[in-house]
Each structure stands twice: as C-alpha cells, then as structure tokens.
C-alpha cells in the first residue's frame, strides 16, 4: 500500500489526475505506434521520414515522462516540486499534469 504525502490534493483530485495521466499515456502510445507504422512505410529518402523520426523521439520522451508521473503518483511524491518540494496546486497539475516544478521554480528554470 502506498502512502500519500500530499497535503493539497484530495483523493478525488489524485484519482482525476491519475485518470488523465493514464489517458495521456494511452494516447501517446497510440501516437507512437502510428508513427512507427509511418516509418515502416517510408523509404527514408524524403524529409518526411526525418520529421516522423523526430516526432517518434518526442512521443517516446512523453511516454517516459508520463510513466514517471504515474510512478511518482504511486510513491506519493507526485505534485511536489522537484526543486523546492512545495506542493504544486491542483489547478496547475490539471492544466499541466506533467509539471515537475511549482510556478516559482519553473520561472527560474526558464530564465536560466
């Protein structure tokens, strides 16, 4: 059994975010599979092939990131800023479920 360390997320909010992350993961897996099919059907001679490979790499990265969010949800660390460990508000997570940083730390990362 996992322990929930969240102070700002209710069990309903956690369930909502879990469902959204799982749906996002499934969508990305479908996207990746479609891209792989596109790679298999191209001859590699045109620029579209390079675009497909770039999209495939991005889809793989998004799948990994989404899975990490689900793992952190299971551990009880999802929704905590990776830098300062403050709780990330539900409203931010609802808009950006893959958010790793609170607004303050996100801004400092973007400014760097």
PDB file of N, CA and C in Angstrom:
ATOM      1  N   UNK A   1       0.841  -1.182   0.000  1.00  0.00           N
ATOM      2  CA  UNK A   1       0.000   0.000   0.000  1.00  0.00           C
ATOM      3  C   UNK A   1       0.883   1.241   0.000  1.00  0.00           C
ATOM      4  N   UNK A   2       0.530   2.225  -0.802  1.00  0.00           N
ATOM      5  CA  UNK A   2       1.316   3.440  -0.883  1.00  0.00           C
ATOM      6  C   UNK A   2       0.800   4.469   0.096  1.00  0.00           C
ATOM      7  N   UNK A   3       1.708   5.326   0.518  1.00  0.00           N
ATOM      8  CA  UNK A   3       1.345   6.397   1.422  1.00  0.00           C
ATOM      9  C   UNK A   3       1.255   7.680   0.634  1.00  0.00           C
ATOM     10  N   UNK A   4       0.234   8.461   0.881  1.00  0.00           N
ATOM     11  CA  UNK A   4       0.042   9.717   0.180  1.00  0.00           C
ATOM     12  C   UNK A   4       0.605  10.848   1.038  1.00  0.00           C
ATOM     13  N   UNK A   5       1.600  11.536   0.519  1.00  0.00           N
ATOM     14  CA  UNK A   5       2.239  12.624   1.243  1.00  0.00           C
ATOM     15  C   UNK A   5       1.657  13.987   0.881  1.00  0.00           C
ATOM     16  N   UNK A   6       0.667  14.023   0.022  1.00  0.00           N
ATOM     17  CA  UNK A   6       0.097  15.282  -0.448  1.00  0.00           C
ATOM     18  C   UNK A   6      -0.738  15.931   0.648  1.00  0.00           C
ATOM     19  N   UNK A   7      -0.586  17.227   0.771  1.00  0.00           N
ATOM     20  CA  UNK A   7      -1.427  17.957   1.705  1.00  0.00           C
ATOM     21  C   UNK A   7      -2.475  18.771   0.963  1.00  0.00           C
ATOM     22  N   UNK A   8      -2.239  19.068  -0.317  1.00  0.00           N
ATOM     23  CA  UNK A   8      -3.172  19.915  -1.045  1.00  0.00           C
ATOM     24  C   UNK A   8      -4.048  19.147  -2.024  1.00  0.00           C
ATOM     25  N   UNK A   9      -3.751  17.895  -2.283  1.00  0.00           N
ATOM     26  CA  UNK A   9      -4.534  17.123  -3.232  1.00  0.00           C
ATOM     27  C   UNK A   9      -5.437  16.145  -2.488  1.00  0.00           C
ATOM     28  N   UNK A  10      -6.701  16.205  -2.808  1.00  0.00           N
ATOM     29  CA  UNK A  10      -7.650  15.258  -2.219  1.00  0.00           C
ATOM     30  C   UNK A  10      -7.564  13.934  -2.969  1.00  0.00           C
ATOM     31  N   UNK A  11      -8.161  12.906  -2.424  1.00  0.00           N
ATOM     32  CA  UNK A  11      -8.162  11.611  -3.100  1.00  0.00           C
ATOM     33  C   UNK A  11      -8.908  11.699  -4.436  1.00  0.00           C
ATOM     34  N   UNK A  12      -9.942  12.521  -4.504  1.00  0.00           N
ATOM     35  CA  UNK A  12     -10.681  12.715  -5.755  1.00  0.00           C
ATOM     36  C   UNK A  12      -9.783  13.407  -6.786  1.00  0.00           C
ATOM     37  N   UNK A  13      -9.040  14.419  -6.362  1.00  0.00           N
ATOM     38  CA  UNK A  13      -8.129  15.108  -7.275  1.00  0.00           C
ATOM     39  C   UNK A  13      -7.030  14.163  -7.759  1.00  0.00           C
ATOM     40  N   UNK A  14      -6.510  13.361  -6.868  1.00  0.00           N
ATOM     41  CA  UNK A  14      -5.471  12.401  -7.248  1.00  0.00           C
ATOM     42  C   UNK A  14      -6.020  11.412  -8.263  1.00  0.00           C
ATOM     43  N   UNK A  15      -7.228  10.922  -8.023  1.00  0.00           N
ATOM     44  CA  UNK A  15      -7.849   9.980  -8.964  1.00  0.00           C
ATOM     45  C   UNK A  15      -8.080  10.646 -10.321  1.00  0.00           C
ATOM     46  N   UNK A  16      -8.515  11.893 -10.313  1.00  0.00           N
ATOM     47  CA  UNK A  16      -8.728  12.634 -11.557  1.00  0.00           C
ATOM     48  C   UNK A  16      -7.418  12.760 -12.336  1.00  0.00           C
ATOM     49  N   UNK A  17      -6.354  13.136 -11.645  1.00  0.00           N
ATOM     50  CA  UNK A  17      -5.059  13.290 -12.287  1.00  0.00           C
ATOM     51  C   UNK A  17      -4.523  11.947 -12.777  1.00  0.00           C
ATOM     52  N   UNK A  18      -4.718  10.895 -11.999  1.00  0.00           N
ATOM     53  CA  UNK A  18      -4.282   9.556 -12.410  1.00  0.00           C
ATOM     54  C   UNK A  18      -4.981   9.161 -13.718  1.00  0.00           C
ATOM     55  N   UNK A  19      -6.282   9.385 -13.775  1.00  0.00           N
ATOM     56  CA  UNK A  19      -7.044   9.038 -14.970  1.00  0.00           C
ATOM     57  C   UNK A  19      -6.554   9.846 -16.175  1.00  0.00           C
ATOM     58  N   UNK A  20      -6.315  11.131 -15.984  1.00  0.00           N
ATOM     59  CA  UNK A  20      -5.822  11.968 -17.083  1.00  0.00           C
ATOM     60  C   UNK A  20      -4.443  11.516 -17.545  1.00  0.00           C
ATOM     61  N   UNK A  21      -3.578  11.177 -16.600  1.00  0.00           N
ATOM     62  CA  UNK A  21      -2.249  10.702 -16.964  1.00  0.00           C
ATOM     63  C   UNK A  21      -2.329   9.375 -17.713  1.00  0.00           C
ATOM     64  N   UNK A  22      -3.191   8.476 -17.272  1.00  0.00           N
ATOM     65  CA  UNK A  22      -3.340   7.195 -17.957  1.00  0.00           C
ATOM     66  C   UNK A  22      -3.900   7.382 -19.366  1.00  0.00           C
ATOM     67  N   UNK A  23      -4.860   8.293 -19.516  1.00  0.00           N
ATOM     68  CA  UNK A  23      -5.403   8.576 -20.846  1.00  0.00           C
ATOM     69  C   UNK A  23      -4.337   9.207 -21.736  1.00  0.00           C
ATOM     70  N   UNK A  24      -3.555  10.118 -21.179  1.00  0.00           N
ATOM     71  CA  UNK A  24      -2.469  10.753 -21.928  1.00  0.00           C
ATOM     72  C   UNK A  24      -1.443   9.700 -22.347  1.00  0.00           C
ATOM     73  N   UNK A  25      -1.117   8.793 -21.443  1.00  0.00           N
ATOM     74  CA  UNK A  25      -0.163   7.734 -21.754  1.00  0.00           C
ATOM     75  C   UNK A  25      -0.680   6.868 -22.898  1.00  0.00           C
ATOM     76  N   UNK A  26      -1.937   6.481 -22.836  1.00  0.00           N
ATOM     77  CA  UNK A  26      -2.506   5.647 -23.889  1.00  0.00           C
ATOM     78  C   UNK A  26      -2.517   6.387 -25.227  1.00  0.00           C
ATOM     79  N   UNK A  27      -2.862   7.682 -25.196  1.00  0.00           N
ATOM     80  CA  UNK A  27      -2.859   8.478 -26.424  1.00  0.00           C
ATOM     81  C   UNK A  27      -1.456   8.539 -27.022  1.00  0.00           C
ATOM     82  N   UNK A  28      -0.443   8.748 -26.171  1.00  0.00           N
ATOM     83  CA  UNK A  28       0.936   8.828 -26.657  1.00  0.00           C
ATOM     84  C   UNK A  28       1.412   7.479 -27.208  1.00  0.00           C
ATOM     85  N   UNK A  29       1.006   6.384 -26.580  1.00  0.00           N
ATOM     86  CA  UNK A  29       1.386   5.063 -27.077  1.00  0.00           C
ATOM     87  C   UNK A  29       0.773   4.838 -28.458  1.00  0.00           C
ATOM     88  N   UNK A  30      -0.485   5.202 -28.628  1.00  0.00           N
ATOM     89  CA  UNK A  30      -1.143   5.085 -29.932  1.00  0.00           C
ATOM     90  C   UNK A  30      -0.431   5.957 -30.962  1.00  0.00           C
ATOM     91  N   UNK A  31      -0.085   7.188 -30.561  1.00  0.00           N
ATOM     92  CA  UNK A  31       0.633   8.095 -31.455  1.00  0.00           C
ATOM     93  C   UNK A  31       1.972   7.473 -31.877  1.00  0.00           C
ATOM     94  N   UNK A  32       2.700   6.931 -30.903  1.00  0.00           N
ATOM     95  CA  UNK A  32       3.992   6.314 -31.202  1.00  0.00           C
ATOM     96  C   UNK A  32       3.821   5.139 -32.162  1.00  0.00           C
ATOM     97  N   UNK A  33       2.813   4.304 -31.914  1.00  0.00           N
ATOM     98  CA  UNK A  33       2.583   3.153 -32.784  1.00  0.00           C
ATOM     99  C   UNK A  33       2.251   3.587 -34.208  1.00  0.00           C
ATOM    100  N   UNK A  34       1.457   4.640 -34.331  1.00  0.00           N
ATOM    101  CA  UNK A  34       1.128   5.170 -35.663  1.00  0.00           C
ATOM    102  C   UNK A  34       2.373   5.727 -36.347  1.00  0.00           C
ATOM    103  N   UNK A  35       3.212   6.398 -35.589  1.00  0.00           N
ATOM    104  CA  UNK A  35       4.456   6.933 -36.154  1.00  0.00           C
ATOM    105  C   UNK A  35       5.391   5.808 -36.588  1.00  0.00           C
ATOM    106  N   UNK A  36       5.460   4.751 -35.781  1.00  0.00           N
ATOM    107  CA  UNK A  36       6.293   3.606 -36.168  1.00  0.00           C
ATOM    108  C   UNK A  36       5.798   2.992 -37.463  1.00  0.00           C
ATOM    109  N   UNK A  37       4.488   2.907 -37.616  1.00  0.00           N
ATOM    110  CA  UNK A  37       3.920   2.392 -38.865  1.00  0.00           C
ATOM    111  C   UNK A  37       4.295   3.300 -40.028  1.00  0.00           C
ATOM    112  N   UNK A  38       4.327   4.608 -39.797  1.00  0.00           N
ATOM    113  CA  UNK A  38       4.714   5.557 -40.847  1.00  0.00           C
ATOM    114  C   UNK A  38       6.174   5.383 -41.223  1.00  0.00           C
ATOM    115  N   UNK A  39       7.021   5.153 -40.236  1.00  0.00           N
ATOM    116  CA  UNK A  39       8.444   4.937 -40.508  1.00  0.00           C
ATOM    117  C   UNK A  39       8.614   3.684 -41.351  1.00  0.00           C
ATOM    118  N   UNK A  40       7.879   2.640 -41.007  1.00  0.00           N
ATOM    119  CA  UNK A  40       7.980   1.381 -41.746  1.00  0.00           C
ATOM    120  C   UNK A  40       7.518   1.524 -43.190  1.00  0.00           C
ATOM    121  N   UNK A  41       6.597   2.481 -43.444  1.00  0.00           N
ATOM    122  CA  UNK A  41       6.048   2.616 -44.796  1.00  0.00           C
ATOM    123  C   UNK A  41       6.804   3.628 -45.654  1.00  0.00           C
ATOM    124  N   UNK A  42       7.739   4.378 -45.075  1.00  0.00           N
ATOM    125  CA  UNK A  42       8.508   5.336 -45.877  1.00  0.00           C
ATOM    126  C   UNK A  42       9.817   4.697 -46.300  1.00  0.00           C
ATOM    127  N   UNK A  43      10.401   5.240 -47.340  1.00  0.00           N
ATOM    128  CA  UNK A  43      11.656   4.685 -47.838  1.00  0.00           C
ATOM    129  C   UNK A  43      12.876   5.374 -47.231  1.00  0.00           C
ATOM    130  N   UNK A  44      12.665   6.383 -46.410  1.00  0.00           N
ATOM    131  CA  UNK A  44      13.773   7.060 -45.757  1.00  0.00           C
ATOM    132  C   UNK A  44      14.483   8.068 -46.621  1.00  0.00           C
ATOM    133  N   UNK A  45      14.009   8.279 -47.833  1.00  0.00           N
ATOM    134  CA  UNK A  45      14.689   9.170 -48.759  1.00  0.00           C
ATOM    135  C   UNK A  45      14.164  10.598 -48.709  1.00  0.00           C
ATOM    136  N   UNK A  46      13.017  10.797 -48.123  1.00  0.00           N
ATOM    137  CA  UNK A  46      12.463  12.147 -48.122  1.00  0.00           C
ATOM    138  C   UNK A  46      12.551  12.788 -46.736  1.00  0.00           C
ATOM    139  N   UNK A  47      12.257  14.084 -46.684  1.00  0.00           N
ATOM    140  CA  UNK A  47      12.334  14.828 -45.426  1.00  0.00           C
ATOM    141  C   UNK A  47      11.243  14.427 -44.453  1.00  0.00           C
ATOM    142  N   UNK A  48      10.156  13.910 -44.960  1.00  0.00           N
ATOM    143  CA  UNK A  48       9.063  13.479 -44.084  1.00  0.00           C
ATOM    144  C   UNK A  48       9.545  12.397 -43.133  1.00  0.00           C
ATOM    145  N   UNK A  49      10.441  11.556 -43.594  1.00  0.00           N
ATOM    146  CA  UNK A  49      10.984  10.487 -42.768  1.00  0.00           C
ATOM    147  C   UNK A  49      11.701  11.064 -41.552  1.00  0.00           C
ATOM    148  N   UNK A  50      12.481  12.119 -41.755  1.00  0.00           N
ATOM    149  CA  UNK A  50      13.188  12.765 -40.636  1.00  0.00           C
ATOM    150  C   UNK A  50      12.205  13.395 -39.659  1.00  0.00           C
ATOM    151  N   UNK A  51      11.146  14.004 -40.179  1.00  0.00           N
ATOM    152  CA  UNK A  51      10.116  14.593 -39.323  1.00  0.00           C
ATOM    153  C   UNK A  51       9.422  13.520 -38.493  1.00  0.00           C
ATOM    154  N   UNK A  52       9.146  12.387 -39.115  1.00  0.00           N
ATOM    155  CA  UNK A  52       8.496  11.288 -38.412  1.00  0.00           C
ATOM    156  C   UNK A  52       9.402  10.769 -37.290  1.00  0.00           C
ATOM    157  N   UNK A  53      10.686  10.625 -37.589  1.00  0.00           N
ATOM    158  CA  UNK A  53      11.618  10.151 -36.564  1.00  0.00           C
ATOM    159  C   UNK A  53      11.724  11.138 -35.400  1.00  0.00           C
ATOM    160  N   UNK A  54      11.709  12.436 -35.701  1.00  0.00           N
ATOM    161  CA  UNK A  54      11.741  13.448 -34.632  1.00  0.00           C
ATOM    162  C   UNK A  54      10.473  13.362 -33.792  1.00  0.00           C
ATOM    163  N   UNK A  55       9.339  13.181 -34.438  1.00  0.00           N
ATOM    164  CA  UNK A  55       8.075  13.043 -33.714  1.00  0.00           C
ATOM    165  C   UNK A  55       8.054  11.765 -32.885  1.00  0.00           C
ATOM    166  N   UNK A  56       8.641  10.716 -33.413  1.00  0.00           N
ATOM    167  CA  UNK A  56       8.716   9.448 -32.699  1.00  0.00           C
ATOM    168  C   UNK A  56       9.562   9.587 -31.439  1.00  0.00           C
ATOM    169  N   UNK A  57      10.668  10.296 -31.549  1.00  0.00           N
ATOM    170  CA  UNK A  57      11.516  10.547 -30.389  1.00  0.00           C
ATOM    171  C   UNK A  57      10.767  11.359 -29.337  1.00  0.00           C
ATOM    172  N   UNK A  58      10.040  12.382 -29.771  1.00  0.00           N
ATOM    173  CA  UNK A  58       9.260  13.202 -28.841  1.00  0.00           C
ATOM    174  C   UNK A  58       8.163  12.372 -28.174  1.00  0.00           C
ATOM    175  N   UNK A  59       7.518  11.493 -28.929  1.00  0.00           N
ATOM    176  CA  UNK A  59       6.472  10.639 -28.360  1.00  0.00           C
ATOM    177  C   UNK A  59       7.062   9.687 -27.324  1.00  0.00           C
ATOM    178  N   UNK A  60       8.215   9.104 -27.623  1.00  0.00           N
ATOM    179  CA  UNK A  60       8.880   8.216 -26.660  1.00  0.00           C
ATOM    180  C   UNK A  60       9.232   8.965 -25.375  1.00  0.00           C
ATOM    181  N   UNK A  61       9.706  10.192 -25.529  1.00  0.00           N
ATOM    182  CA  UNK A  61      10.054  11.017 -24.366  1.00  0.00           C
ATOM    183  C   UNK A  61       8.813  11.317 -23.535  1.00  0.00           C
ATOM    184  N   UNK A  62       7.709  11.638 -24.198  1.00  0.00           N
ATOM    185  CA  UNK A  62       6.456  11.942 -23.493  1.00  0.00           C
ATOM    186  C   UNK A  62       5.917  10.706 -22.773  1.00  0.00           C
ATOM    187  N   UNK A  63       6.058   9.538 -23.387  1.00  0.00           N
ATOM    188  CA  UNK A  63       5.626   8.297 -22.747  1.00  0.00           C
ATOM    189  C   UNK A  63       6.431   8.066 -21.473  1.00  0.00           C
ATOM    190  N   UNK A  64       7.738   8.223 -21.563  1.00  0.00           N
ATOM    191  CA  UNK A  64       8.596   8.037 -20.392  1.00  0.00           C
ATOM    192  C   UNK A  64       8.247   9.032 -19.294  1.00  0.00           C
ATOM    193  N   UNK A  65       8.065  10.284 -19.662  1.00  0.00           N
ATOM    194  CA  UNK A  65       7.734  11.321 -18.686  1.00  0.00           C
ATOM    195  C   UNK A  65       6.382  11.055 -18.020  1.00  0.00           C
ATOM    196  N   UNK A  66       5.413  10.627 -18.802  1.00  0.00           N
ATOM    197  CA  UNK A  66       4.094  10.322 -18.256  1.00  0.00           C
ATOM    198  C   UNK A  66       4.164   9.127 -17.314  1.00  0.00           C
ATOM    199  N   UNK A  67       4.927   8.112 -17.697  1.00  0.00           N
ATOM    200  CA  UNK A  67       5.087   6.942 -16.827  1.00  0.00           C
ATOM    201  C   UNK A  67       5.767   7.334 -15.516  1.00  0.00           C
ATOM    202  N   UNK A  68       6.733   8.234 -15.583  1.00  0.00           N
ATOM    203  CA  UNK A  68       7.391   8.710 -14.360  1.00  0.00           C
ATOM    204  C   UNK A  68       6.390   9.430 -13.456  1.00  0.00           C
ATOM    205  N   UNK A  69       5.488  10.205 -14.059  1.00  0.00           N
ATOM    206  CA  UNK A  69       4.446  10.875 -13.262  1.00  0.00           C
ATOM    207  C   UNK A  69       3.567   9.848 -12.564  1.00  0.00           C
ATOM    208  N   UNK A  70       3.171   8.815 -13.276  1.00  0.00           N
ATOM    209  CA  UNK A  70       2.352   7.766 -12.676  1.00  0.00           C
ATOM    210  C   UNK A  70       3.113   7.045 -11.564  1.00  0.00           C
ATOM    211  N   UNK A  71       4.404   6.827 -11.765  1.00  0.00           N
ATOM    212  CA  UNK A  71       5.229   6.210 -10.716  1.00  0.00           C
ATOM    213  C   UNK A  71       5.293   7.097  -9.480  1.00  0.00           C
ATOM    214  N   UNK A  72       5.483   8.416  -9.697  1.00  0.00           N
ATOM    215  CA  UNK A  72       5.525   9.348  -8.564  1.00  0.00           C
ATOM    216  C   UNK A  72       4.164   9.402  -7.867  1.00  0.00           C
ATOM    217  N   UNK A  73       3.092   9.266  -8.621  1.00  0.00           N
ATOM    218  CA  UNK A  73       1.756   9.232  -8.037  1.00  0.00           C
ATOM    219  C   UNK A  73       1.644   8.023  -7.110  1.00  0.00           C
ATOM    220  N   UNK A  74       2.142   6.878  -7.554  1.00  0.00           N
ATOM    221  CA  UNK A  74       2.122   5.672  -6.732  1.00  0.00           C
ATOM    222  C   UNK A  74       2.997   5.816  -5.482  1.00  0.00           C
ATOM    223  N   UNK A  75       4.120   6.511  -5.622  1.00  0.00           N
ATOM    224  CA  UNK A  75       5.043   6.724  -4.495  1.00  0.00           C
ATOM    225  C   UNK A  75       4.543   7.762  -3.507  1.00  0.00           C
ATOM    226  N   UNK A  76       3.668   8.645  -3.988  1.00  0.00           N
ATOM    227  CA  UNK A  76       3.188   9.729  -3.145  1.00  0.00           C
ATOM    228  C   UNK A  76       3.969  11.023  -3.307  1.00  0.00           C
ATOM    229  N   UNK A  77       4.876  11.071  -4.298  1.00  0.00           N
ATOM    230  CA  UNK A  77       5.664  12.286  -4.490  1.00  0.00           C
ATOM    231  C   UNK A  77       5.173  13.124  -5.672  1.00  0.00           C
ATOM    232  N   UNK A  78       4.167  12.643  -6.389  1.00  0.00           N
ATOM    233  CA  UNK A  78       3.614  13.413  -7.499  1.00  0.00           C
ATOM    234  C   UNK A  78       2.947  14.668  -6.942  1.00  0.00           C
ATOM    235  N   UNK A  79       3.149  15.774  -7.641  1.00  0.00           N
ATOM    236  CA  UNK A  79       2.543  17.027  -7.199  1.00  0.00           C
ATOM    237  C   UNK A  79       3.435  17.823  -6.275  1.00  0.00           C
ATOM    238  N   UNK A  80       4.651  17.358  -6.072  1.00  0.00           N
ATOM    239  CA  UNK A  80       5.627  18.113  -5.291  1.00  0.00           C
ATOM    240  C   UNK A  80       6.699  18.618  -6.238  1.00  0.00           C
ATOM    241  N   UNK A  81       7.071  19.871  -6.061  1.00  0.00           N
ATOM    242  CA  UNK A  81       8.092  20.482  -6.903  1.00  0.00           C
ATOM    243  C   UNK A  81       9.391  19.690  -6.792  1.00  0.00           C
ATOM    244  N   UNK A  82       9.988  19.372  -7.930  1.00  0.00           N
ATOM    245  CA  UNK A  82      11.238  18.615  -7.963  1.00  0.00           C
ATOM    246  C   UNK A  82      12.408  19.408  -7.405  1.00  0.00           C
ATOM    247  N   UNK A  83      12.257  20.724  -7.306  1.00  0.00           N
ATOM    248  CA  UNK A  83      13.355  21.544  -6.796  1.00  0.00           C
ATOM    249  C   UNK A  83      13.156  21.921  -5.331  1.00  0.00           C
ATOM    250  N   UNK A  84      12.037  22.552  -5.002  1.00  0.00           N
ATOM    251  CA  UNK A  84      11.848  23.058  -3.637  1.00  0.00           C
ATOM    252  C   UNK A  84      10.917  22.181  -2.795  1.00  0.00           C
ATOM    253  N   UNK A  85      10.295  21.181  -3.420  1.00  0.00           N
ATOM    254  CA  UNK A  85       9.421  20.209  -2.773  1.00  0.00           C
ATOM    255  C   UNK A  85       8.118  20.785  -2.226  1.00  0.00           C
ATOM    256  N   UNK A  86       7.782  22.022  -2.605  1.00  0.00           N
ATOM    257  CA  UNK A  86       6.491  22.592  -2.222  1.00  0.00           C
ATOM    258  C   UNK A  86       5.412  21.882  -3.029  1.00  0.00           C
ATOM    259  N   UNK A  87       4.214  21.798  -2.478  1.00  0.00           N
ATOM    260  CA  UNK A  87       3.110  21.181  -3.210  1.00  0.00           C
ATOM    261  C   UNK A  87       2.718  22.044  -4.403  1.00  0.00           C
ATOM    262  N   UNK A  88       2.565  21.410  -5.553  1.00  0.00           N
ATOM    263  CA  UNK A  88       2.107  22.092  -6.758  1.00  0.00           C
ATOM    264  C   UNK A  88       0.585  22.104  -6.703  1.00  0.00           C
ATOM    265  N   UNK A  89      -0.048  23.257  -6.875  1.00  0.00           N
ATOM    266  CA  UNK A  89      -1.507  23.333  -6.787  1.00  0.00           C
ATOM    267  C   UNK A  89      -2.205  22.452  -7.830  1.00  0.00           C
ATOM    268  N   UNK A  90      -3.347  21.912  -7.445  1.00  0.00           N
ATOM    269  CA  UNK A  90      -4.144  21.069  -8.326  1.00  0.00           C
ATOM    270  C   UNK A  90      -4.449  21.775  -9.642  1.00  0.00           C
ATOM    271  N   UNK A  91      -4.754  23.069  -9.578  1.00  0.00           N
ATOM    272  CA  UNK A  91      -5.100  23.817 -10.787  1.00  0.00           C
ATOM    273  C   UNK A  91      -3.965  23.763 -11.809  1.00  0.00           C
ATOM    274  N   UNK A  92      -2.727  23.858 -11.354  1.00  0.00           N
ATOM    275  CA  UNK A  92      -1.580  23.771 -12.255  1.00  0.00           C
ATOM    276  C   UNK A  92      -1.439  22.351 -12.809  1.00  0.00           C
ATOM    277  N   UNK A  93      -1.594  21.364 -11.949  1.00  0.00           N
ATOM    278  CA  UNK A  93      -1.475  19.980 -12.387  1.00  0.00           C
ATOM    279  C   UNK A  93      -2.600  19.595 -13.343  1.00  0.00           C
ATOM    280  N   UNK A  94      -3.767  20.163 -13.142  1.00  0.00           N
ATOM    281  CA  UNK A  94      -4.904  19.890 -14.024  1.00  0.00           C
ATOM    282  C   UNK A  94      -4.595  20.402 -15.433  1.00  0.00           C
ATOM    283  N   UNK A  95      -3.976  21.571 -15.514  1.00  0.00           N
ATOM    284  CA  UNK A  95      -3.620  22.165 -16.807  1.00  0.00           C
ATOM    285  C   UNK A  95      -2.381  21.491 -17.394  1.00  0.00           C
ATOM    286  N   UNK A  96      -1.396  21.219 -16.541  1.00  0.00           N
ATOM    287  CA  UNK A  96      -0.130  20.621 -16.971  1.00  0.00           C
ATOM    288  C   UNK A  96       0.177  19.424 -16.083  1.00  0.00           C
ATOM    289  N   UNK A  97      -0.448  18.282 -16.356  1.00  0.00           N
ATOM    290  CA  UNK A  97      -0.252  17.121 -15.477  1.00  0.00           C
ATOM    291  C   UNK A  97       1.196  16.624 -15.411  1.00  0.00           C
ATOM    292  N   UNK A  98       2.009  17.004 -16.386  1.00  0.00           N
ATOM    293  CA  UNK A  98       3.408  16.590 -16.375  1.00  0.00           C
ATOM    294  C   UNK A  98       4.313  17.602 -15.678  1.00  0.00           C
ATOM    295  N   UNK A  99       3.723  18.636 -15.070  1.00  0.00           N
ATOM    296  CA  UNK A  99       4.518  19.672 -14.404  1.00  0.00           C
ATOM    297  C   UNK A  99       5.379  19.057 -13.310  1.00  0.00           C
ATOM    298  N   UNK A 100       6.647  19.404 -13.328  1.00  0.00           N
ATOM    299  CA  UNK A 100       7.580  18.920 -12.307  1.00  0.00           C
ATOM    300  C   UNK A 100       7.944  20.000 -11.302  1.00  0.00           C
ATOM    301  N   UNK A 101       7.641  21.242 -11.655  1.00  0.00           N
ATOM    302  CA  UNK A 101       8.054  22.368 -10.817  1.00  0.00           C
ATOM    303  C   UNK A 101       6.873  23.256 -10.465  1.00  0.00           C
ATOM    304  N   UNK A 102       6.962  23.901  -9.319  1.00  0.00           N
ATOM    305  CA  UNK A 102       5.997  24.939  -8.969  1.00  0.00           C
ATOM    306  C   UNK A 102       6.247  26.127  -9.896  1.00  0.00           C
ATOM    307  N   UNK A 103       5.355  27.087  -9.901  1.00  0.00           N
ATOM    308  CA  UNK A 103       5.476  28.243 -10.801  1.00  0.00           C
ATOM    309  C   UNK A 103       6.792  28.987 -10.562  1.00  0.00           C
ATOM    310  N   UNK A 104       7.146  29.211  -9.307  1.00  0.00           N
ATOM    311  CA  UNK A 104       8.365  29.963  -8.988  1.00  0.00           C
ATOM    312  C   UNK A 104       9.596  29.265  -9.540  1.00  0.00           C
ATOM    313  N   UNK A 105       9.725  27.953  -9.289  1.00  0.00           N
ATOM    314  CA  UNK A 105      10.891  27.219  -9.769  1.00  0.00           C
ATOM    315  C   UNK A 105      10.865  27.079 -11.290  1.00  0.00           C
ATOM    316  N   UNK A 106       9.684  26.930 -11.869  1.00  0.00           N
ATOM    317  CA  UNK A 106       9.574  26.848 -13.330  1.00  0.00           C
ATOM    318  C   UNK A 106      10.098  28.130 -13.969  1.00  0.00           C
ATOM    319  N   UNK A 107       9.701  29.257 -13.395  1.00  0.00           N
ATOM    320  CA  UNK A 107      10.180  30.539 -13.931  1.00  0.00           C
ATOM    321  C   UNK A 107      11.689  30.655 -13.826  1.00  0.00           C
ATOM    322  N   UNK A 108      12.266  30.200 -12.729  1.00  0.00           N
ATOM    323  CA  UNK A 108      13.725  30.284 -12.584  1.00  0.00           C
ATOM    324  C   UNK A 108      14.415  29.362 -13.581  1.00  0.00           C
ATOM    325  N   UNK A 109      13.835  28.206 -13.879  1.00  0.00           N
ATOM    326  CA  UNK A 109      14.412  27.308 -14.890  1.00  0.00           C
ATOM    327  C   UNK A 109      14.331  27.923 -16.269  1.00  0.00           C
ATOM    328  N   UNK A 110      13.233  28.586 -16.572  1.00  0.00           N
ATOM    329  CA  UNK A 110      13.069  29.206 -17.883  1.00  0.00           C
ATOM    330  C   UNK A 110      13.995  30.410 -18.047  1.00  0.00           C
ATOM    331  N   UNK A 111      14.282  31.107 -16.960  1.00  0.00           N
ATOM    332  CA  UNK A 111      15.141  32.283 -17.022  1.00  0.00           C
ATOM    333  C   UNK A 111      16.617  31.898 -17.148  1.00  0.00           C
ATOM    334  N   UNK A 112      16.954  30.708 -16.736  1.00  0.00           N
ATOM    335  CA  UNK A 112      18.372  30.272 -16.749  1.00  0.00           C
ATOM    336  C   UNK A 112      18.863  29.957 -18.132  1.00  0.00           C
TER     337      UNK A 112
END
